[in-house]
C-alpha cells in the first residue's frame, strides 16, 4: 500500500489531502460532500469541497448479485482490512478446529476454505492459501494435515476465461496436482454461516442442488457500483441506462457533465475492469491536464500579445507582435491535437501456486502464452515494476526474502 502523503510531499504544486469518505457529488452546485471516517471524531464530521474539475476514481464494490447471506457471512478481497480479516478468520478456523474434543465433522467443516470466483483474484488467492498450508501451516499445526482443503467455485464452464485454452487447462491440471478442488458450472444461490447452497449444472445439462460446508468463505466474483457513483448517475439523464458505472466519452469525460472525468472500475467503457486499464487511463488524464494547462497559459499570452498589437504605434513592432501571435497560435493548435484514449493490452498474468505462474503476453501482432517456474519469475519482476515507488519495491523484496527464510507468519493477528 502506497501512503498518499508520501507521494504528495515530493510534489512541487500545492496539494491538499483529506482522508475522508465522499458520500455525494453534487454536479449542479459543483461540490463534493465528504465525511470524516477516522475513529477520533472532531467538531466537524461532514463538510463540502468545491471543485472546478473533478476526477472520479473510487473503484467498485464487491458484487454479491443479491445472493442472500453473502454480505453477512463472506470475506471480501478489495481493501487492506479485507486481507487482515481473512487472515484472522483462517487462523480462527484452524484454532477452533484443533480445540479439545472437537468433532471430526465440525473439524472438516472448519478446515474447508471456499473461494468463490474463478477470475485472476480468486485463482491467485486459492493458490496462495494452498501454499500457506503446504509451506507453513502443516509444519506448525500438523493436526490439520488430513482435513485442510481449498475449493474454488466458479459459475462459468472454466476458470480464467480471459486466458487461452492451453493456459486454462494448465491451471486446472496444476490445481489438481496441488489438491485444490475446482468446481465449475456451480452457481451459489444462498449463503449461511456454515454452508453455501449451490446449483450445479451437470454434463448432461441437468441441474442439481448441493450443500457445501465451509469454515472460511472468500468472495471474489466481480464489481458493483459504489453508492457515491450511483448517486451521481441518478442526477444525470445520460447515465440512466448504465449498470456498470459512469459512461464516459473517448476522453474519459462523464456523459452529461462538463469538467468531470472518471477512470478505472467506476467507469463503464468497452475495456475490462483491470488495474492495467486504470493505469493507462490515469496516464492519459495526466497528459490531458498538462495539455489543458499549457493551452490556458498560451491563450493568456496570446490575449496579452493581441492587446499589445492593437496599441502598438510603430509598424515594425506590430509586425513582430503578429509573428509572435502566429507562433503562439500554431503552438496551441499543436498542443490541442491530443488523440482520444486507446487502451494498449500488454497481456495477462496470474499466479497459480507452487512458484508457478501463467502469462498471456501481447507480442508484436500475436500472443505469447507460457506457464511454469520461469513465468513465475517474470510475474514477480512485473509485480515489482508495477509498484509505484522505489521504497515499495524494496519493501516488497524484503517481504519476499523474509518469507523465503522464515516462512509466513501464522499468528492470528
Protein backbone atom coordinates (compact mmCIF):
# COMPACT_ATOMS: atom_id res chain seq x y z
CA UNK A 1 0.00 0.00 0.00
CA UNK A 2 1.44 3.38 -1.01
CA UNK A 3 0.83 6.18 1.55
CA UNK A 4 -0.61 9.17 -0.30
CA UNK A 5 1.15 11.68 1.91
CA UNK A 6 4.45 10.07 0.91
CA UNK A 7 3.63 10.85 -2.74
CA UNK A 8 2.31 14.35 -2.09
CA UNK A 9 5.35 15.61 -0.19
CA UNK A 10 7.51 15.17 -3.30
CA UNK A 11 5.22 17.34 -5.45
CA UNK A 12 6.09 20.96 -6.20
CA UNK A 13 2.44 22.00 -6.57
CA UNK A 14 0.24 22.67 -3.56
CA UNK A 15 -1.85 19.58 -2.76
CA UNK A 16 -4.45 19.34 -0.01
CA UNK A 17 -5.24 15.79 1.09
CA UNK A 18 -8.27 14.72 3.12
CA UNK A 19 -8.72 11.16 4.33
CA UNK A 20 -12.49 11.03 4.06
CA UNK A 21 -15.44 9.24 2.52
CA UNK A 22 -17.07 11.01 -0.42
CA UNK A 23 -20.79 10.45 0.09
CA UNK A 24 -22.20 12.71 -2.64
CA UNK A 25 -21.06 14.55 -5.77
CA UNK A 26 -23.38 17.49 -6.44
CA UNK A 27 -22.98 18.22 -10.14
CA UNK A 28 -25.21 21.34 -10.11
CA UNK A 29 -23.52 23.04 -7.15
CA UNK A 30 -20.06 21.71 -8.10
CA UNK A 31 -19.26 20.40 -4.60
CA UNK A 32 -18.36 17.04 -3.05
CA UNK A 33 -19.82 16.11 0.34
CA UNK A 34 -17.20 14.30 2.45
CA UNK A 35 -17.36 12.56 5.85
CA UNK A 36 -14.58 12.13 8.39
CA UNK A 37 -14.01 8.36 8.71
CA UNK A 38 -11.41 8.33 11.49
CA UNK A 39 -12.20 6.74 14.86
CA UNK A 40 -11.40 10.03 16.62
CA UNK A 41 -14.18 12.47 15.84
CA UNK A 42 -13.61 16.22 15.85
CA UNK A 43 -16.11 19.08 15.85
CA UNK A 44 -16.62 18.79 12.08
CA UNK A 45 -17.82 15.40 10.86
CA UNK A 46 -19.15 16.39 7.42
CA UNK A 47 -18.18 19.19 5.07
CA UNK A 48 -18.09 20.17 1.40
CA UNK A 49 -15.20 20.51 -1.06
CA UNK A 50 -15.87 22.75 -4.09
CA UNK A 51 -14.36 21.81 -7.46
CA UNK A 52 -13.78 23.23 -10.93
CA UNK A 53 -12.54 19.95 -12.33
CA UNK A 54 -13.14 16.52 -10.82
CA UNK A 55 -11.67 13.07 -11.44
CA UNK A 56 -13.73 10.16 -10.07
CA UNK A 57 -11.55 7.12 -9.41
CA UNK A 58 -13.27 5.43 -6.46
CA UNK A 59 -13.18 1.91 -7.89
CA UNK A 60 -16.01 -0.53 -7.25
CA UNK A 61 -17.58 -2.66 -4.53
CA UNK A 62 -17.76 -6.43 -4.45
CA UNK A 63 -20.68 -7.74 -6.48
CA UNK A 64 -22.90 -10.04 -4.39
CA UNK A 65 -25.56 -10.38 -7.14
CA UNK A 66 -28.23 -10.10 -4.47
CA UNK A 67 -27.43 -13.58 -3.14
CA UNK A 68 -28.76 -13.88 0.44
CA UNK A 69 -26.14 -14.14 3.18
CA UNK A 70 -23.07 -13.12 1.17
CA UNK A 71 -22.72 -9.67 2.72
CA UNK A 72 -23.18 -11.07 6.23
CA UNK A 73 -21.01 -14.18 6.11
CA UNK A 74 -18.38 -13.92 3.34
CA UNK A 75 -14.94 -12.34 3.48
CA UNK A 76 -14.09 -9.99 0.62
CA UNK A 77 -10.79 -9.19 -1.05
CA UNK A 78 -10.80 -5.49 -2.02
CA UNK A 79 -9.25 -3.45 0.77
CA UNK A 80 -6.26 -3.90 3.10
CA UNK A 81 -8.65 -4.54 6.00
CA UNK A 82 -10.27 -7.35 3.98
CA UNK A 83 -6.92 -9.18 3.81
CA UNK A 84 -6.46 -8.72 7.56
CA UNK A 85 -9.95 -10.09 8.22
CA UNK A 86 -9.27 -13.16 6.04
CA UNK A 87 -6.02 -13.86 7.88
CA UNK A 88 -7.79 -13.71 11.26
CA UNK A 89 -10.70 -15.85 10.01
CA UNK A 90 -8.40 -18.56 8.62
CA UNK A 91 -6.39 -18.76 11.84
CA UNK A 92 -9.58 -18.73 13.95
CA UNK A 93 -10.91 -21.67 11.93
CA UNK A 94 -7.68 -23.61 12.47
CA UNK A 95 -7.52 -22.94 16.22
CA UNK A 96 -11.21 -23.82 16.69
CA UNK A 97 -10.80 -26.99 14.61
CA UNK A 98 -7.93 -28.05 16.92
CA UNK A 99 -9.92 -27.30 20.09
CA UNK A 100 -10.14 -30.18 22.58
CA UNK A 101 -12.95 -32.69 21.96
CA UNK A 102 -13.93 -31.06 18.62
CA UNK A 103 -15.98 -33.46 16.49
CA UNK A 104 -14.43 -34.76 13.27
CA UNK A 105 -17.35 -33.47 11.18
CA UNK A 106 -17.01 -29.97 12.59
CA UNK A 107 -13.23 -30.09 12.19
CA UNK A 108 -13.59 -30.92 8.47
CA UNK A 109 -16.06 -28.06 8.01
CA UNK A 110 -13.85 -25.51 9.76
CA UNK A 111 -10.81 -26.51 7.69
CA UNK A 112 -12.66 -26.28 4.37
CA UNK A 113 -11.72 -22.94 2.75
CA UNK A 114 -14.02 -21.95 -0.13
CA UNK A 115 -13.15 -19.27 -2.69
CA UNK A 116 -15.98 -18.10 -4.95
CA UNK A 117 -14.87 -16.57 -8.26
CA UNK A 118 -12.64 -18.08 -10.94
CA UNK A 119 -11.06 -14.88 -12.20
CA UNK A 120 -7.40 -13.94 -11.52
CA UNK A 121 -8.18 -12.71 -7.99
CA UNK A 122 -9.93 -15.93 -6.94
CA UNK A 123 -7.38 -18.20 -8.62
CA UNK A 124 -4.38 -16.39 -7.13
CA UNK A 125 -5.90 -16.34 -3.66
CA UNK A 126 -6.76 -20.05 -3.75
CA UNK A 127 -3.17 -20.80 -4.88
CA UNK A 128 -1.64 -18.62 -2.14
CA UNK A 129 -3.87 -20.19 0.52
CA UNK A 130 -2.80 -23.70 -0.53
CA UNK A 131 0.85 -22.55 -0.49
CA UNK A 132 0.30 -21.19 3.03
CA UNK A 133 -0.91 -24.62 4.11
CA UNK A 134 1.81 -26.63 2.35
CA UNK A 135 4.76 -24.40 3.27
CA UNK A 136 3.84 -23.25 6.77
CA UNK A 137 0.60 -24.35 8.42
CA UNK A 138 1.11 -28.11 8.35
CA UNK A 139 4.56 -27.67 9.90
CA UNK A 140 3.23 -25.63 12.81
CA UNK A 141 -0.18 -27.34 13.14
CA UNK A 142 0.37 -30.92 11.90
CA UNK A 143 -3.03 -32.00 13.19
CA UNK A 144 -4.80 -30.26 10.27
CA UNK A 145 -2.87 -32.09 7.52
CA UNK A 146 -5.58 -34.61 6.60
CA UNK A 147 -8.51 -32.17 6.70
CA UNK A 148 -7.34 -28.76 5.39
CA UNK A 149 -8.87 -28.30 1.96
CA UNK A 150 -9.30 -25.45 -0.55
CA UNK A 151 -12.19 -25.35 -3.04
CA UNK A 152 -12.59 -22.85 -5.89
CA UNK A 153 -16.17 -22.28 -7.07
CA UNK A 154 -16.96 -20.74 -10.47
CA UNK A 155 -20.33 -20.33 -12.23
CA UNK A 156 -18.80 -20.40 -15.74
CA UNK A 157 -17.61 -23.59 -17.52
CA UNK A 158 -13.95 -22.82 -16.72
CA UNK A 159 -11.71 -20.56 -14.64
CA UNK A 160 -9.68 -17.62 -16.03
CA UNK A 161 -11.88 -17.01 -19.11
CA UNK A 162 -9.58 -14.19 -20.30
CA UNK A 163 -6.67 -16.62 -20.83
CA UNK A 164 -6.07 -19.04 -23.70
CA UNK A 165 -7.48 -22.57 -23.58
CA UNK A 166 -3.97 -24.05 -23.16
CA UNK A 167 -3.28 -21.93 -20.05
CA UNK A 168 -6.71 -22.68 -18.59
CA UNK A 169 -6.04 -26.42 -18.93
CA UNK A 170 -2.56 -25.96 -17.45
CA UNK A 171 -4.03 -24.09 -14.46
CA UNK A 172 -6.70 -26.73 -13.85
CA UNK A 173 -4.07 -29.50 -14.02
CA UNK A 174 -1.79 -27.59 -11.62
CA UNK A 175 -4.67 -27.12 -9.18
CA UNK A 176 -5.44 -30.83 -9.39
CA UNK A 177 -1.81 -31.63 -8.55
CA UNK A 178 -1.98 -29.19 -5.62
CA UNK A 179 -5.20 -30.86 -4.41
CA UNK A 180 -7.27 -27.68 -4.91
CA UNK A 181 -10.81 -28.70 -5.83
CA UNK A 182 -12.15 -26.68 -8.80
CA UNK A 183 -15.95 -26.68 -9.14
CA UNK A 184 -17.04 -25.03 -12.38
CA UNK A 185 -20.65 -24.58 -13.55
CA UNK A 186 -21.51 -24.14 -9.88
CA UNK A 187 -23.72 -21.15 -9.07
CA UNK A 188 -24.10 -20.05 -5.45
CA UNK A 189 -27.72 -19.45 -4.50
CA UNK A 190 -27.62 -18.91 -0.75
CA UNK A 191 -25.01 -18.46 2.00
CA UNK A 192 -25.35 -19.25 5.70
CA UNK A 193 -22.75 -19.01 8.46
CA UNK A 194 -21.76 -22.68 8.00
CA UNK A 195 -22.51 -23.72 4.41
CA UNK A 196 -23.37 -22.47 0.94
CA UNK A 197 -26.22 -23.74 -1.21
CA UNK A 198 -25.27 -24.05 -4.87
CA UNK A 199 -26.84 -25.12 -8.15
CA UNK A 200 -24.54 -27.36 -10.21
CA UNK A 201 -25.00 -27.88 -13.95
CA UNK A 202 -24.10 -31.46 -14.87
CA UNK A 203 -22.55 -32.54 -18.21
CA UNK A 204 -25.97 -33.64 -19.49
CA UNK A 205 -27.43 -30.16 -18.78
CA UNK A 206 -29.49 -31.13 -15.73
CA UNK A 207 -29.17 -29.07 -12.56
CA UNK A 208 -28.55 -30.35 -9.06
CA UNK A 209 -28.69 -28.59 -5.69
CA UNK A 210 -25.64 -29.08 -3.46
CA UNK A 211 -24.75 -28.01 0.07
CA UNK A 212 -21.07 -27.12 0.60
CA UNK A 213 -19.97 -26.68 4.24
CA UNK A 214 -17.15 -24.19 4.86
CA UNK A 215 -15.08 -22.62 7.60
CA UNK A 216 -13.91 -19.53 5.71
CA UNK A 217 -15.64 -18.19 2.58
CA UNK A 218 -13.81 -15.68 0.38
CA UNK A 219 -15.92 -13.84 -2.21
CA UNK A 220 -14.00 -12.68 -5.31
CA UNK A 221 -16.62 -12.54 -8.04
CA UNK A 222 -16.60 -9.11 -9.65
CA UNK A 223 -17.58 -5.48 -9.30
CA UNK A 224 -20.64 -3.48 -8.32
CA UNK A 225 -21.21 0.28 -8.46
CA UNK A 226 -20.37 2.23 -5.28
CA UNK A 227 -23.07 4.35 -3.63
CA UNK A 228 -21.44 7.72 -4.41
CA UNK A 229 -21.22 6.79 -8.11
CA UNK A 230 -24.78 5.51 -8.17
CA UNK A 231 -25.94 8.82 -6.67
CA UNK A 232 -24.11 10.84 -9.36
CA UNK A 233 -25.59 8.63 -12.07
CA UNK A 234 -29.09 9.32 -10.73
CA UNK A 235 -28.51 13.08 -11.24
CA UNK A 236 -27.66 12.68 -14.94
CA UNK A 237 -30.29 11.63 -17.53
CA UNK A 238 -27.46 10.45 -19.84
CA UNK A 239 -26.46 7.83 -17.22
CA UNK A 240 -29.90 6.35 -16.56
CA UNK A 241 -29.38 3.22 -18.70
CA UNK A 242 -25.92 2.41 -17.37
CA UNK A 243 -25.49 -0.52 -14.97
CA UNK A 244 -21.71 -0.94 -14.83
CA UNK A 245 -20.70 2.59 -13.84
CA UNK A 246 -20.25 6.11 -15.20
CA UNK A 247 -20.46 6.18 -19.00
CA UNK A 248 -17.59 8.26 -20.40
CA UNK A 249 -16.62 9.52 -23.85
CA UNK A 250 -13.33 8.85 -25.68
CA UNK A 251 -11.61 11.49 -23.50
CA UNK A 252 -12.99 9.89 -20.28
CA UNK A 253 -15.37 12.82 -19.67
CA UNK A 254 -18.53 11.65 -17.87
CA UNK A 255 -21.51 11.86 -20.21
CA UNK A 256 -23.87 14.67 -19.20
CA UNK A 257 -21.21 16.71 -17.38
CA UNK A 258 -18.52 19.28 -18.02
CA UNK A 259 -15.23 19.09 -16.17
CA UNK A 260 -15.86 15.66 -14.60
CA UNK A 261 -13.78 12.65 -15.65
CA UNK A 262 -13.97 9.03 -14.49
CA UNK A 263 -11.43 6.23 -14.75
CA UNK A 264 -10.91 2.70 -13.52
CA UNK A 265 -13.58 0.34 -12.20
CA UNK A 266 -16.12 3.11 -11.52
CA UNK A 267 -16.34 3.94 -15.24
CA UNK A 268 -18.19 1.97 -17.91
CA UNK A 269 -16.05 1.50 -21.02
CA UNK A 270 -15.50 -1.22 -23.61
CA UNK A 271 -12.42 -2.38 -21.69
CA UNK A 272 -12.13 -4.95 -18.90
CA UNK A 273 -12.11 -3.54 -15.34
CA UNK A 274 -8.43 -4.21 -14.63
CA UNK A 275 -5.60 -2.28 -12.98
CA UNK A 276 -3.80 -2.22 -16.33
CA UNK A 277 -6.67 -0.27 -17.93
CA UNK A 278 -6.94 2.12 -14.97
CA UNK A 279 -3.19 2.79 -15.02
CA UNK A 280 -3.23 3.74 -18.70
CA UNK A 281 -6.32 5.90 -18.16
CA UNK A 282 -4.52 7.73 -15.35
CA UNK A 283 -1.50 8.41 -17.57
CA UNK A 284 -3.83 9.64 -20.32
CA UNK A 285 -5.60 12.07 -17.97
CA UNK A 286 -2.25 13.40 -16.74
CA UNK A 287 -1.31 14.20 -20.34
CA UNK A 288 -4.74 15.73 -20.92
CA UNK A 289 -4.49 18.03 -17.90
CA UNK A 290 -0.94 19.07 -18.82
CA UNK A 291 -2.25 19.91 -22.28
CA UNK A 292 -5.09 21.95 -20.81
CA UNK A 293 -2.66 23.84 -18.54
CA UNK A 294 -0.26 24.64 -21.39
CA UNK A 295 -3.15 25.70 -23.63
CA UNK A 296 -4.57 28.05 -20.99
CA UNK A 297 -1.14 29.61 -20.41
CA UNK A 298 -0.58 30.13 -24.15
CA UNK A 299 -4.08 31.57 -24.62
CA UNK A 300 -3.42 34.08 -21.83
CA UNK A 301 -0.14 35.08 -23.52
CA UNK A 302 -1.98 35.32 -26.85
CA UNK A 303 -4.58 37.70 -25.39
CA UNK A 304 -1.80 39.85 -23.99
CA UNK A 305 0.07 39.95 -27.32
CA UNK A 306 -3.16 40.77 -29.16
CA UNK A 307 -3.80 43.73 -26.84
CA UNK A 308 -0.22 44.99 -27.34
CA UNK A 309 -0.56 44.60 -31.12
CA UNK A 310 -3.66 46.79 -31.20
CA UNK A 311 -1.98 49.56 -29.20
CA UNK A 312 1.41 49.40 -30.95
CA UNK A 313 2.13 52.61 -32.88
CA UNK A 314 5.27 51.53 -34.73
CA UNK A 315 4.67 49.26 -37.74
CA UNK A 316 7.77 47.17 -37.04
CA UNK A 317 6.55 46.45 -33.50
CA UNK A 318 3.13 45.46 -34.84
CA UNK A 319 4.74 43.13 -37.37
CA UNK A 320 6.92 41.48 -34.71
CA UNK A 321 3.89 41.03 -32.45
CA UNK A 322 1.87 39.50 -35.32
CA UNK A 323 4.63 36.96 -35.94
CA UNK A 324 4.68 36.07 -32.25
CA UNK A 325 0.87 35.72 -32.26
CA UNK A 326 1.05 33.35 -35.24
CA UNK A 327 3.74 31.32 -33.48
CA UNK A 328 1.67 31.04 -30.29
CA UNK A 329 -1.46 30.12 -32.28
CA UNK A 330 0.46 27.36 -34.05
CA UNK A 331 1.70 26.04 -30.69
CA UNK A 332 -1.85 25.98 -29.32
CA UNK A 333 -3.13 24.03 -32.34
CA UNK A 334 -0.27 21.54 -31.96
CA UNK A 335 -0.85 21.05 -28.24
CA UNK A 336 -4.60 20.55 -28.70
CA UNK A 337 -4.02 17.61 -31.06
CA UNK A 338 -4.36 15.06 -28.25
CA UNK A 339 -5.78 11.79 -29.53
CA UNK A 340 -8.64 10.05 -27.66
CA UNK A 341 -7.83 7.36 -25.11
CA UNK A 342 -6.89 4.00 -26.61
CA UNK A 343 -6.08 1.03 -24.41
CA UNK A 344 -2.99 -1.00 -25.29
CA UNK A 345 -3.25 -4.51 -23.86
CA UNK A 346 0.12 -5.69 -22.55
CA UNK A 347 -1.08 -9.15 -21.55
CA UNK A 348 -2.43 -11.03 -18.54
CA UNK A 349 -0.60 -12.67 -15.63
CA UNK A 350 -1.75 -14.92 -12.80
CA UNK A 351 -0.03 -16.87 -10.01
CA UNK A 352 -1.27 -20.48 -9.76
CA UNK A 353 0.72 -21.82 -6.81
CA UNK A 354 3.93 -23.78 -6.10
CA UNK A 355 6.02 -20.97 -7.55
CA UNK A 356 4.36 -21.27 -10.93
CA UNK A 357 2.50 -18.64 -12.92
CA UNK A 358 0.83 -18.24 -16.31
CA UNK A 359 1.22 -15.40 -18.77
CA UNK A 360 -0.67 -14.43 -21.90
CA UNK A 361 1.50 -11.63 -23.29
CA UNK A 362 0.84 -9.46 -26.33
CA UNK A 363 3.87 -9.97 -28.60
CA UNK A 364 4.06 -7.87 -31.78
CA UNK A 365 0.87 -8.85 -33.66
CA UNK A 366 0.22 -12.05 -31.72
CA UNK A 367 0.11 -13.54 -28.24
CA UNK A 368 2.77 -15.43 -26.32
CA UNK A 369 1.35 -17.96 -23.85
CA UNK A 370 3.58 -19.54 -21.20
CA UNK A 371 3.36 -21.18 -17.81
CA UNK A 372 5.72 -22.57 -15.18
CA UNK A 373 8.58 -21.54 -12.90
CA UNK A 374 10.25 -19.16 -15.38
CA UNK A 375 6.92 -17.44 -15.92
CA UNK A 376 6.68 -17.12 -12.12
CA UNK A 377 9.97 -15.17 -12.09
CA UNK A 378 8.62 -12.96 -14.87
CA UNK A 379 5.39 -12.48 -12.88
CA UNK A 380 7.40 -11.37 -9.83
CA UNK A 381 9.51 -8.93 -11.86
CA UNK A 382 6.34 -7.49 -13.45
CA UNK A 383 4.80 -7.17 -9.98
CA UNK A 384 7.83 -5.21 -8.75
CA UNK A 385 7.80 -2.92 -11.80
CA UNK A 386 4.17 -2.02 -11.07
CA UNK A 387 4.96 -0.84 -7.54
CA UNK A 388 4.61 2.94 -7.51
CA UNK A 389 7.84 3.85 -5.73
CA UNK A 390 11.36 2.53 -5.16
CA UNK A 391 10.52 2.49 -1.45
CA UNK A 392 7.70 -0.01 -2.01
CA UNK A 393 9.79 -2.14 -4.38
CA UNK A 394 12.44 -2.53 -1.67
CA UNK A 395 9.81 -3.29 1.00
CA UNK A 396 8.17 -5.96 -1.19
CA UNK A 397 11.53 -7.56 -1.97
CA UNK A 398 12.34 -7.62 1.76
CA UNK A 399 8.97 -9.26 2.48
CA UNK A 400 9.62 -11.96 -0.12
CA UNK A 401 13.09 -12.61 1.30
CA UNK A 402 11.70 -12.74 4.86
CA UNK A 403 9.04 -15.31 3.87
CA UNK A 404 11.63 -17.39 2.00
CA UNK A 405 13.90 -17.55 5.04
CA UNK A 406 11.46 -17.65 7.97
CA UNK A 407 8.15 -18.68 6.36
CA UNK A 408 4.82 -16.88 6.64
CA UNK A 409 3.56 -15.60 9.96
CA UNK A 410 0.98 -18.00 11.45
CA UNK A 411 -0.17 -15.78 14.32
CA UNK A 412 -3.84 -14.83 14.43
CA UNK A 413 -3.35 -11.03 14.28
